[in-house]
Amino acid sequence: MNKSYWLINPSRTELKIFTKNEKSIDGVFEYMFVDTGKIDGAFGKEPPVIITTISVDIDLAREIYERLLSQGWRQPE
């Protein structure tokens, strides 16, 4: 199973999960899945509801991740 990278928004109501596409060819066609989920209730008590999943180039995924960090999103504790 691939390692995933999670970010949660400052109000703790939404999260993004970044996971490398297992079918990517390293160094040639590298893609990440970016899941967007909604959090109902307390984070960690109930699983998030995944609303959308997109597949993007790994470089774009890095840009999205960095932009979210600059907007106050953080890794969940």
PDB file of N, CA and C in Angstrom:
ATOM      1  N   MET A   1       0.844  -1.180   0.000  1.00  0.00           N
ATOM      2  CA  MET A   1       0.000   0.000   0.000  1.00  0.00           C
ATOM      3  C   MET A   1       0.887   1.239   0.000  1.00  0.00           C
ATOM      4  N   ASN A   2       0.511   2.210  -0.791  1.00  0.00           N
ATOM      5  CA  ASN A   2       1.274   3.449  -0.880  1.00  0.00           C
ATOM      6  C   ASN A   2       1.056   4.326   0.329  1.00  0.00           C
ATOM      7  N   LYS A   3       2.103   5.060   0.665  1.00  0.00           N
ATOM      8  CA  LYS A   3       1.993   6.029   1.742  1.00  0.00           C
ATOM      9  C   LYS A   3       1.138   7.193   1.257  1.00  0.00           C
ATOM     10  N   SER A   4       0.314   7.711   2.147  1.00  0.00           N
ATOM     11  CA  SER A   4      -0.505   8.862   1.786  1.00  0.00           C
ATOM     12  C   SER A   4      -0.134  10.039   2.679  1.00  0.00           C
ATOM     13  N   TYR A   5      -0.393  11.218   2.174  1.00  0.00           N
ATOM     14  CA  TYR A   5      -0.088  12.461   2.861  1.00  0.00           C
ATOM     15  C   TYR A   5      -1.398  13.216   3.054  1.00  0.00           C
ATOM     16  N   TRP A   6      -1.717  13.522   4.300  1.00  0.00           N
ATOM     17  CA  TRP A   6      -2.987  14.137   4.646  1.00  0.00           C
ATOM     18  C   TRP A   6      -2.784  15.584   5.050  1.00  0.00           C
ATOM     19  N   LEU A   7      -3.726  16.423   4.660  1.00  0.00           N
ATOM     20  CA  LEU A   7      -3.782  17.811   5.121  1.00  0.00           C
ATOM     21  C   LEU A   7      -5.207  18.106   5.558  1.00  0.00           C
ATOM     22  N   ILE A   8      -5.343  18.906   6.600  1.00  0.00           N
ATOM     23  CA  ILE A   8      -6.656  19.290   7.102  1.00  0.00           C
ATOM     24  C   ILE A   8      -6.724  20.810   7.153  1.00  0.00           C
ATOM     25  N   ASN A   9      -7.880  21.362   6.816  1.00  0.00           N
ATOM     26  CA  ASN A   9      -8.006  22.819   6.791  1.00  0.00           C
ATOM     27  C   ASN A   9      -8.068  23.384   8.206  1.00  0.00           C
ATOM     28  N   PRO A  10      -7.840  24.704   8.345  1.00  0.00           N
ATOM     29  CA  PRO A  10      -7.797  25.298   9.688  1.00  0.00           C
ATOM     30  C   PRO A  10      -9.074  25.110  10.514  1.00  0.00           C
ATOM     31  N   SER A  11     -10.226  25.054   9.869  1.00  0.00           N
ATOM     32  CA  SER A  11     -11.469  24.878  10.627  1.00  0.00           C
ATOM     33  C   SER A  11     -11.792  23.405  10.887  1.00  0.00           C
ATOM     34  N   ARG A  12     -10.914  22.513  10.403  1.00  0.00           N
ATOM     35  CA  ARG A  12     -11.044  21.064  10.625  1.00  0.00           C
ATOM     36  C   ARG A  12     -12.360  20.490  10.092  1.00  0.00           C
ATOM     37  N   THR A  13     -12.788  21.011   8.932  1.00  0.00           N
ATOM     38  CA  THR A  13     -14.020  20.521   8.312  1.00  0.00           C
ATOM     39  C   THR A  13     -13.769  19.833   6.973  1.00  0.00           C
ATOM     40  N   GLU A  14     -12.555  19.964   6.443  1.00  0.00           N
ATOM     41  CA  GLU A  14     -12.234  19.414   5.132  1.00  0.00           C
ATOM     42  C   GLU A  14     -10.813  18.876   5.158  1.00  0.00           C
ATOM     43  N   LEU A  15     -10.563  17.836   4.371  1.00  0.00           N
ATOM     44  CA  LEU A  15      -9.208  17.319   4.271  1.00  0.00           C
ATOM     45  C   LEU A  15      -8.885  16.941   2.842  1.00  0.00           C
ATOM     46  N   LYS A  16      -7.593  16.850   2.582  1.00  0.00           N
ATOM     47  CA  LYS A  16      -7.070  16.394   1.291  1.00  0.00           C
ATOM     48  C   LYS A  16      -6.132  15.238   1.591  1.00  0.00           C
ATOM     49  N   ILE A  17      -6.214  14.213   0.773  1.00  0.00           N
ATOM     50  CA  ILE A  17      -5.354  13.048   0.911  1.00  0.00           C
ATOM     51  C   ILE A  17      -4.619  12.866  -0.416  1.00  0.00           C
ATOM     52  N   PHE A  18      -3.302  12.877  -0.360  1.00  0.00           N
ATOM     53  CA  PHE A  18      -2.459  12.725  -1.539  1.00  0.00           C
ATOM     54  C   PHE A  18      -1.839  11.327  -1.510  1.00  0.00           C
ATOM     55  N   THR A  19      -2.093  10.538  -2.568  1.00  0.00           N
ATOM     56  CA  THR A  19      -1.593   9.168  -2.649  1.00  0.00           C
ATOM     57  C   THR A  19      -1.037   8.929  -4.043  1.00  0.00           C
ATOM     58  N   LYS A  20       0.188   8.385  -4.115  1.00  0.00           N
ATOM     59  CA  LYS A  20       0.778   8.108  -5.424  1.00  0.00           C
ATOM     60  C   LYS A  20       0.009   6.991  -6.119  1.00  0.00           C
ATOM     61  N   ASN A  21      -0.248   7.183  -7.401  1.00  0.00           N
ATOM     62  CA  ASN A  21      -0.910   6.170  -8.220  1.00  0.00           C
ATOM     63  C   ASN A  21       0.053   4.991  -8.369  1.00  0.00           C
ATOM     64  N   GLU A  22      -0.351   3.815  -7.894  1.00  0.00           N
ATOM     65  CA  GLU A  22       0.506   2.626  -7.944  1.00  0.00           C
ATOM     66  C   GLU A  22       0.877   2.223  -9.366  1.00  0.00           C
ATOM     67  N   LYS A  23       0.097   2.651 -10.337  1.00  0.00           N
ATOM     68  CA  LYS A  23       0.371   2.285 -11.723  1.00  0.00           C
ATOM     69  C   LYS A  23       1.275   3.285 -12.417  1.00  0.00           C
ATOM     70  N   SER A  24       1.746   4.288 -11.680  1.00  0.00           N
ATOM     71  CA  SER A  24       2.678   5.254 -12.241  1.00  0.00           C
ATOM     72  C   SER A  24       4.001   4.562 -12.556  1.00  0.00           C
ATOM     73  N   ILE A  25       4.673   5.050 -13.587  1.00  0.00           N
ATOM     74  CA  ILE A  25       5.999   4.553 -13.936  1.00  0.00           C
ATOM     75  C   ILE A  25       7.002   5.569 -13.398  1.00  0.00           C
ATOM     76  N   ASP A  26       7.773   5.171 -12.387  1.00  0.00           N
ATOM     77  CA  ASP A  26       8.714   6.084 -11.736  1.00  0.00           C
ATOM     78  C   ASP A  26       9.599   6.781 -12.755  1.00  0.00           C
ATOM     79  N   GLY A  27       9.651   8.108 -12.646  1.00  0.00           N
ATOM     80  CA  GLY A  27      10.508   8.909 -13.500  1.00  0.00           C
ATOM     81  C   GLY A  27       9.938   9.200 -14.869  1.00  0.00           C
ATOM     82  N   VAL A  28       8.828   8.569 -15.235  1.00  0.00           N
ATOM     83  CA  VAL A  28       8.243   8.786 -16.565  1.00  0.00           C
ATOM     84  C   VAL A  28       6.860   9.397 -16.437  1.00  0.00           C
ATOM     85  N   PHE A  29       5.914   8.613 -15.974  1.00  0.00           N
ATOM     86  CA  PHE A  29       4.543   9.076 -15.791  1.00  0.00           C
ATOM     87  C   PHE A  29       4.184   8.904 -14.326  1.00  0.00           C
ATOM     88  N   GLU A  30       4.419   9.938 -13.548  1.00  0.00           N
ATOM     89  CA  GLU A  30       4.117   9.851 -12.126  1.00  0.00           C
ATOM     90  C   GLU A  30       2.894  10.706 -11.817  1.00  0.00           C
ATOM     91  N   TYR A  31       1.888  10.060 -11.249  1.00  0.00           N
ATOM     92  CA  TYR A  31       0.639  10.730 -10.931  1.00  0.00           C
ATOM     93  C   TYR A  31       0.268  10.491  -9.477  1.00  0.00           C
ATOM     94  N   MET A  32      -0.480  11.437  -8.935  1.00  0.00           N
ATOM     95  CA  MET A  32      -0.998  11.330  -7.567  1.00  0.00           C
ATOM     96  C   MET A  32      -2.514  11.411  -7.629  1.00  0.00           C
ATOM     97  N   PHE A  33      -3.158  10.652  -6.754  1.00  0.00           N
ATOM     98  CA  PHE A  33      -4.578  10.834  -6.530  1.00  0.00           C
ATOM     99  C   PHE A  33      -4.716  11.876  -5.416  1.00  0.00           C
ATOM    100  N   VAL A  34      -5.618  12.811  -5.606  1.00  0.00           N
ATOM    101  CA  VAL A  34      -5.913  13.805  -4.581  1.00  0.00           C
ATOM    102  C   VAL A  34      -7.391  13.646  -4.237  1.00  0.00           C
ATOM    103  N   ASP A  35      -7.632  13.121  -3.033  1.00  0.00           N
ATOM    104  CA  ASP A  35      -8.993  12.946  -2.537  1.00  0.00           C
ATOM    105  C   ASP A  35      -9.365  14.160  -1.700  1.00  0.00           C
ATOM    106  N   THR A  36     -10.597  14.614  -1.842  1.00  0.00           N
ATOM    107  CA  THR A  36     -11.131  15.682  -1.002  1.00  0.00           C
ATOM    108  C   THR A  36     -12.250  15.084  -0.171  1.00  0.00           C
ATOM    109  N   GLY A  37     -12.170  15.306   1.134  1.00  0.00           N
ATOM    110  CA  GLY A  37     -13.171  14.746   2.026  1.00  0.00           C
ATOM    111  C   GLY A  37     -13.748  15.784   2.961  1.00  0.00           C
ATOM    112  N   LYS A  38     -14.957  15.511   3.416  1.00  0.00           N
ATOM    113  CA  LYS A  38     -15.631  16.347   4.411  1.00  0.00           C
ATOM    114  C   LYS A  38     -15.601  15.623   5.746  1.00  0.00           C
ATOM    115  N   ILE A  39     -15.426  16.405   6.806  1.00  0.00           N
ATOM    116  CA  ILE A  39     -15.385  15.846   8.156  1.00  0.00           C
ATOM    117  C   ILE A  39     -16.669  16.231   8.863  1.00  0.00           C
ATOM    118  N   ASP A  40     -17.420  15.232   9.291  1.00  0.00           N
ATOM    119  CA  ASP A  40     -18.634  15.459  10.075  1.00  0.00           C
ATOM    120  C   ASP A  40     -18.325  15.091  11.515  1.00  0.00           C
ATOM    121  N   GLY A  41     -18.521  16.028  12.416  1.00  0.00           N
ATOM    122  CA  GLY A  41     -18.226  15.761  13.824  1.00  0.00           C
ATOM    123  C   GLY A  41     -16.747  15.941  14.114  1.00  0.00           C
ATOM    124  N   ALA A  42     -16.260  15.247  15.123  1.00  0.00           N
ATOM    125  CA  ALA A  42     -14.868  15.361  15.553  1.00  0.00           C
ATOM    126  C   ALA A  42     -13.965  14.532  14.653  1.00  0.00           C
ATOM    127  N   PHE A  43     -12.871  15.141  14.211  1.00  0.00           N
ATOM    128  CA  PHE A  43     -11.917  14.439  13.356  1.00  0.00           C
ATOM    129  C   PHE A  43     -11.342  13.245  14.113  1.00  0.00           C
ATOM    130  N   GLY A  44     -11.342  12.084  13.474  1.00  0.00           N
ATOM    131  CA  GLY A  44     -10.805  10.887  14.086  1.00  0.00           C
ATOM    132  C   GLY A  44     -11.850   9.991  14.717  1.00  0.00           C
ATOM    133  N   LYS A  45     -13.025  10.535  15.004  1.00  0.00           N
ATOM    134  CA  LYS A  45     -14.088   9.719  15.604  1.00  0.00           C
ATOM    135  C   LYS A  45     -14.868   8.971  14.524  1.00  0.00           C
ATOM    136  N   GLU A  46     -15.111   9.650  13.417  1.00  0.00           N
ATOM    137  CA  GLU A  46     -15.803   9.060  12.270  1.00  0.00           C
ATOM    138  C   GLU A  46     -14.910   9.233  11.049  1.00  0.00           C
ATOM    139  N   PRO A  47     -14.929   8.284  10.123  1.00  0.00           N
ATOM    140  CA  PRO A  47     -14.108   8.459   8.921  1.00  0.00           C
ATOM    141  C   PRO A  47     -14.639   9.619   8.076  1.00  0.00           C
ATOM    142  N   PRO A  48     -13.754  10.323   7.379  1.00  0.00           N
ATOM    143  CA  PRO A  48     -14.214  11.403   6.507  1.00  0.00           C
ATOM    144  C   PRO A  48     -15.003  10.835   5.332  1.00  0.00           C
ATOM    145  N   VAL A  49     -15.877  11.646   4.791  1.00  0.00           N
ATOM    146  CA  VAL A  49     -16.646  11.269   3.608  1.00  0.00           C
ATOM    147  C   VAL A  49     -15.907  11.839   2.400  1.00  0.00           C
ATOM    148  N   ILE A  50     -15.412  10.960   1.530  1.00  0.00           N
ATOM    149  CA  ILE A  50     -14.684  11.403   0.350  1.00  0.00           C
ATOM    150  C   ILE A  50     -15.686  11.913  -0.675  1.00  0.00           C
ATOM    151  N   ILE A  51     -15.478  13.165  -1.085  1.00  0.00           N
ATOM    152  CA  ILE A  51     -16.394  13.828  -2.022  1.00  0.00           C
ATOM    153  C   ILE A  51     -15.893  13.710  -3.458  1.00  0.00           C
ATOM    154  N   THR A  52     -14.594  13.971  -3.669  1.00  0.00           N
ATOM    155  CA  THR A  52     -14.032  13.908  -5.016  1.00  0.00           C
ATOM    156  C   THR A  52     -12.650  13.266  -4.990  1.00  0.00           C
ATOM    157  N   THR A  53     -12.272  12.701  -6.112  1.00  0.00           N
ATOM    158  CA  THR A  53     -10.924  12.178  -6.327  1.00  0.00           C
ATOM    159  C   THR A  53     -10.485  12.616  -7.715  1.00  0.00           C
ATOM    160  N   ILE A  54      -9.289  13.207  -7.779  1.00  0.00           N
ATOM    161  CA  ILE A  54      -8.729  13.570  -9.079  1.00  0.00           C
ATOM    162  C   ILE A  54      -7.350  12.945  -9.192  1.00  0.00           C
ATOM    163  N   SER A  55      -6.879  12.779 -10.412  1.00  0.00           N
ATOM    164  CA  SER A  55      -5.539  12.284 -10.672  1.00  0.00           C
ATOM    165  C   SER A  55      -4.778  13.401 -11.363  1.00  0.00           C
ATOM    166  N   VAL A  56      -3.640  13.784 -10.771  1.00  0.00           N
ATOM    167  CA  VAL A  56      -2.852  14.875 -11.335  1.00  0.00           C
ATOM    168  C   VAL A  56      -1.385  14.466 -11.413  1.00  0.00           C
ATOM    169  N   ASP A  57      -0.664  15.142 -12.279  1.00  0.00           N
ATOM    170  CA  ASP A  57       0.777  14.970 -12.397  1.00  0.00           C
ATOM    171  C   ASP A  57       1.419  15.221 -11.034  1.00  0.00           C
ATOM    172  N   ILE A  58       2.460  14.486 -10.716  1.00  0.00           N
ATOM    173  CA  ILE A  58       3.073  14.586  -9.393  1.00  0.00           C
ATOM    174  C   ILE A  58       3.578  15.996  -9.091  1.00  0.00           C
ATOM    175  N   ASP A  59       4.061  16.704 -10.109  1.00  0.00           N
ATOM    176  CA  ASP A  59       4.525  18.079  -9.887  1.00  0.00           C
ATOM    177  C   ASP A  59       3.364  19.004  -9.509  1.00  0.00           C
ATOM    178  N   LEU A  60       2.229  18.833 -10.157  1.00  0.00           N
ATOM    179  CA  LEU A  60       1.047  19.626  -9.824  1.00  0.00           C
ATOM    180  C   LEU A  60       0.558  19.279  -8.418  1.00  0.00           C
ATOM    181  N   ALA A  61       0.623  18.013  -8.060  1.00  0.00           N
ATOM    182  CA  ALA A  61       0.221  17.598  -6.707  1.00  0.00           C
ATOM    183  C   ALA A  61       1.096  18.283  -5.662  1.00  0.00           C
ATOM    184  N   ARG A  62       2.382  18.385  -5.935  1.00  0.00           N
ATOM    185  CA  ARG A  62       3.294  19.077  -5.008  1.00  0.00           C
ATOM    186  C   ARG A  62       2.928  20.549  -4.886  1.00  0.00           C
ATOM    187  N   GLU A  63       2.593  21.172  -6.019  1.00  0.00           N
ATOM    188  CA  GLU A  63       2.194  22.586  -6.006  1.00  0.00           C
ATOM    189  C   GLU A  63       0.924  22.785  -5.176  1.00  0.00           C
ATOM    190  N   ILE A  64      -0.051  21.907  -5.366  1.00  0.00           N
ATOM    191  CA  ILE A  64      -1.308  21.993  -4.612  1.00  0.00           C
ATOM    192  C   ILE A  64      -1.022  21.833  -3.119  1.00  0.00           C
ATOM    193  N   TYR A  65      -0.200  20.862  -2.774  1.00  0.00           N
ATOM    194  CA  TYR A  65       0.142  20.598  -1.373  1.00  0.00           C
ATOM    195  C   TYR A  65       0.800  21.829  -0.744  1.00  0.00           C
ATOM    196  N   GLU A  66       1.783  22.399  -1.421  1.00  0.00           N
ATOM    197  CA  GLU A  66       2.487  23.579  -0.909  1.00  0.00           C
ATOM    198  C   GLU A  66       1.545  24.787  -0.791  1.00  0.00           C
ATOM    199  N   ARG A  67       0.671  24.960  -1.770  1.00  0.00           N
ATOM    200  CA  ARG A  67      -0.284  26.073  -1.723  1.00  0.00           C
ATOM    201  C   ARG A  67      -1.226  25.933  -0.534  1.00  0.00           C
ATOM    202  N   LEU A  68      -1.703  24.719  -0.283  1.00  0.00           N
ATOM    203  CA  LEU A  68      -2.579  24.489   0.861  1.00  0.00           C
ATOM    204  C   LEU A  68      -1.850  24.775   2.173  1.00  0.00           C
ATOM    205  N   LEU A  69      -0.597  24.360   2.286  1.00  0.00           N
ATOM    206  CA  LEU A  69       0.185  24.670   3.488  1.00  0.00           C
ATOM    207  C   LEU A  69       0.281  26.175   3.691  1.00  0.00           C
ATOM    208  N   SER A  70       0.478  26.921   2.606  1.00  0.00           N
ATOM    209  CA  SER A  70       0.594  28.380   2.717  1.00  0.00           C
ATOM    210  C   SER A  70      -0.732  29.026   3.106  1.00  0.00           C
ATOM    211  N   GLN A  71      -1.844  28.310   2.899  1.00  0.00           N
ATOM    212  CA  GLN A  71      -3.170  28.819   3.257  1.00  0.00           C
ATOM    213  C   GLN A  71      -3.604  28.372   4.650  1.00  0.00           C
ATOM    214  N   GLY A  72      -2.700  27.759   5.395  1.00  0.00           N
ATOM    215  CA  GLY A  72      -3.012  27.380   6.767  1.00  0.00           C
ATOM    216  C   GLY A  72      -3.403  25.933   6.980  1.00  0.00           C
ATOM    217  N   TRP A  73      -3.441  25.129   5.919  1.00  0.00           N
ATOM    218  CA  TRP A  73      -3.730  23.715   6.091  1.00  0.00           C
ATOM    219  C   TRP A  73      -2.529  23.073   6.788  1.00  0.00           C
ATOM    220  N   ARG A  74      -2.788  22.038   7.590  1.00  0.00           N
ATOM    221  CA  ARG A  74      -1.725  21.356   8.342  1.00  0.00           C
ATOM    222  C   ARG A  74      -1.936  19.850   8.309  1.00  0.00           C
ATOM    223  N   GLN A  75      -0.868  19.135   8.614  1.00  0.00           N
ATOM    224  CA  GLN A  75      -0.989  17.683   8.747  1.00  0.00           C
ATOM    225  C   GLN A  75      -1.766  17.390  10.029  1.00  0.00           C
ATOM    226  N   PRO A  76      -2.705  16.435   9.982  1.00  0.00           N
ATOM    227  CA  PRO A  76      -3.478  16.113  11.191  1.00  0.00           C
ATOM    228  C   PRO A  76      -2.571  15.546  12.278  1.00  0.00           C
ATOM    229  N   GLU A  77      -2.932  15.780  13.505  1.00  0.00           N
ATOM    230  CA  GLU A  77      -2.147  15.278  14.652  1.00  0.00           C
ATOM    231  C   GLU A  77      -2.664  13.959  15.108  1.00  0.00           C
TER     232      GLU A  77
END
